[in-house]
């Protein structure tokens, strides 16, 4: 059974940093590129960072230069280091396989990130 569990969210001031973690169970992690997604209030979920099986990252323009995605294949974890946070980064953050659509059965509960002074 595949399960993705996100953690590490919280309230942070603008300019601050957070590190999110995603723990994956099942075989999905080892055979897929993985991604971090986010959904802000009133907006569609968007993919913001992807990391390939062999560790090559790619980022949405909105987070490029501020966020860094990591993966540890042995631990089945994918992290997202978020620096220079802005109020517009406020959202629920999710991890999933990089190609996940809204109907993906692997969506977890996500972790809330709120950037506010």
Protein backbone atom coordinates (compact mmCIF):
# COMPACT_ATOMS: atom_id res chain seq x y z
CA UNK A 1 0.00 0.00 0.00
CA UNK A 2 1.33 3.40 -0.98
CA UNK A 3 1.29 6.19 1.56
CA UNK A 4 2.82 9.66 1.43
CA UNK A 5 3.04 11.63 4.68
CA UNK A 6 4.08 15.27 4.67
CA UNK A 7 5.40 17.16 7.69
CA UNK A 8 7.30 20.27 8.68
CA UNK A 9 4.82 23.02 7.91
CA UNK A 10 4.04 25.90 10.20
CA UNK A 11 3.82 29.64 10.62
CA UNK A 12 6.85 31.65 9.54
CA UNK A 13 7.56 35.32 8.99
CA UNK A 14 8.33 36.68 5.54
CA UNK A 15 11.95 36.05 4.69
CA UNK A 16 12.07 33.00 6.91
CA UNK A 17 12.76 29.36 6.13
CA UNK A 18 11.09 25.99 6.56
CA UNK A 19 12.03 22.47 5.60
CA UNK A 20 9.27 20.10 4.61
CA UNK A 21 9.63 16.34 4.61
CA UNK A 22 7.72 13.61 2.86
CA UNK A 23 7.96 9.99 3.91
CA UNK A 24 6.92 7.43 1.33
CA UNK A 25 5.91 3.85 1.87
CA UNK A 26 5.52 1.24 -0.80
CA UNK A 27 7.46 0.86 -4.01
CA UNK A 28 6.23 4.06 -5.62
CA UNK A 29 9.13 6.13 -4.40
CA UNK A 30 11.94 4.06 -5.84
CA UNK A 31 10.53 3.90 -9.35
CA UNK A 32 9.27 7.42 -9.87
CA UNK A 33 10.33 11.00 -10.18
CA UNK A 34 8.84 12.80 -7.19
CA UNK A 35 7.38 16.23 -6.80
CA UNK A 36 6.21 18.81 -4.34
CA UNK A 37 2.93 20.55 -5.00
CA UNK A 38 0.99 23.27 -3.25
CA UNK A 39 -2.54 24.59 -3.15
CA UNK A 40 -3.20 28.11 -2.01
CA UNK A 41 -6.67 29.19 -0.85
CA UNK A 42 -9.00 29.57 -3.79
CA UNK A 43 -6.42 28.33 -6.29
CA UNK A 44 -5.71 25.11 -8.11
CA UNK A 45 -3.01 22.79 -6.90
CA UNK A 46 0.26 23.45 -8.71
CA UNK A 47 3.50 21.53 -9.01
CA UNK A 48 6.44 23.57 -7.79
CA UNK A 49 9.42 21.21 -7.68
CA UNK A 50 10.37 17.87 -9.20
CA UNK A 51 13.31 15.58 -8.58
CA UNK A 52 14.15 12.67 -10.82
CA UNK A 53 15.04 9.20 -9.60
CA UNK A 54 18.71 10.06 -10.08
CA UNK A 55 18.45 13.38 -8.27
CA UNK A 56 18.04 16.01 -10.97
CA UNK A 57 15.81 18.88 -9.80
CA UNK A 58 13.51 21.21 -11.66
CA UNK A 59 11.50 24.13 -10.28
CA UNK A 60 8.58 26.34 -11.12
CA UNK A 61 9.59 29.92 -11.81
CA UNK A 62 7.73 31.06 -8.70
CA UNK A 63 10.11 29.21 -6.38
CA UNK A 64 13.30 28.95 -8.42
CA UNK A 65 16.30 30.19 -6.47
CA UNK A 66 14.46 30.00 -3.14
CA UNK A 67 13.38 26.37 -2.80
CA UNK A 68 15.52 23.24 -3.03
CA UNK A 69 14.23 19.71 -3.40
CA UNK A 70 16.15 16.70 -2.07
CA UNK A 71 15.54 12.99 -2.07
CA UNK A 72 16.99 10.13 -0.07
CA UNK A 73 16.25 6.91 -1.90
CA UNK A 74 17.43 4.72 0.94
CA UNK A 75 15.12 6.41 3.44
CA UNK A 76 12.33 6.91 0.90
CA UNK A 77 12.08 10.58 1.72
CA UNK A 78 11.84 13.74 -0.32
CA UNK A 79 12.40 17.09 1.36
CA UNK A 80 11.77 20.66 0.33
CA UNK A 81 13.97 23.38 1.77
CA UNK A 82 12.17 26.70 1.49
CA UNK A 83 14.08 29.95 1.98
CA UNK A 84 13.16 33.60 1.56
CA UNK A 85 9.52 32.76 2.09
CA UNK A 86 6.88 35.19 0.91
CA UNK A 87 3.23 35.61 1.92
CA UNK A 88 2.25 34.25 -1.49
CA UNK A 89 3.92 30.96 -0.56
CA UNK A 90 1.12 30.36 1.93
CA UNK A 91 -0.53 27.10 0.93
CA UNK A 92 -1.00 23.47 1.81
CA UNK A 93 2.02 21.58 0.52
CA UNK A 94 1.88 18.02 -0.78
CA UNK A 95 4.31 15.51 -2.18
CA UNK A 96 3.43 12.95 -4.83
CA UNK A 97 4.83 11.31 -7.90
CA UNK A 98 5.90 14.01 -10.32
CA UNK A 99 3.17 13.18 -12.86
CA UNK A 100 0.30 13.13 -10.34
CA UNK A 101 -2.98 14.64 -11.38
CA UNK A 102 -5.93 15.54 -9.22
CA UNK A 103 -7.23 11.98 -9.44
CA UNK A 104 -4.03 10.46 -8.13
CA UNK A 105 -4.81 7.98 -5.36
CA UNK A 106 -1.62 8.94 -3.56
CA UNK A 107 -2.50 12.41 -2.28
CA UNK A 108 -1.91 12.71 1.44
CA UNK A 109 -3.16 15.27 3.94
CA UNK A 110 -0.48 17.79 3.11
CA UNK A 111 1.17 20.20 5.49
CA UNK A 112 0.10 23.81 5.99
CA UNK A 113 2.62 26.59 5.44
CA UNK A 114 1.61 30.08 6.45
CA UNK A 115 3.88 33.03 5.78
CA UNK A 116 2.76 36.05 7.72
CA UNK A 117 4.08 38.75 10.00
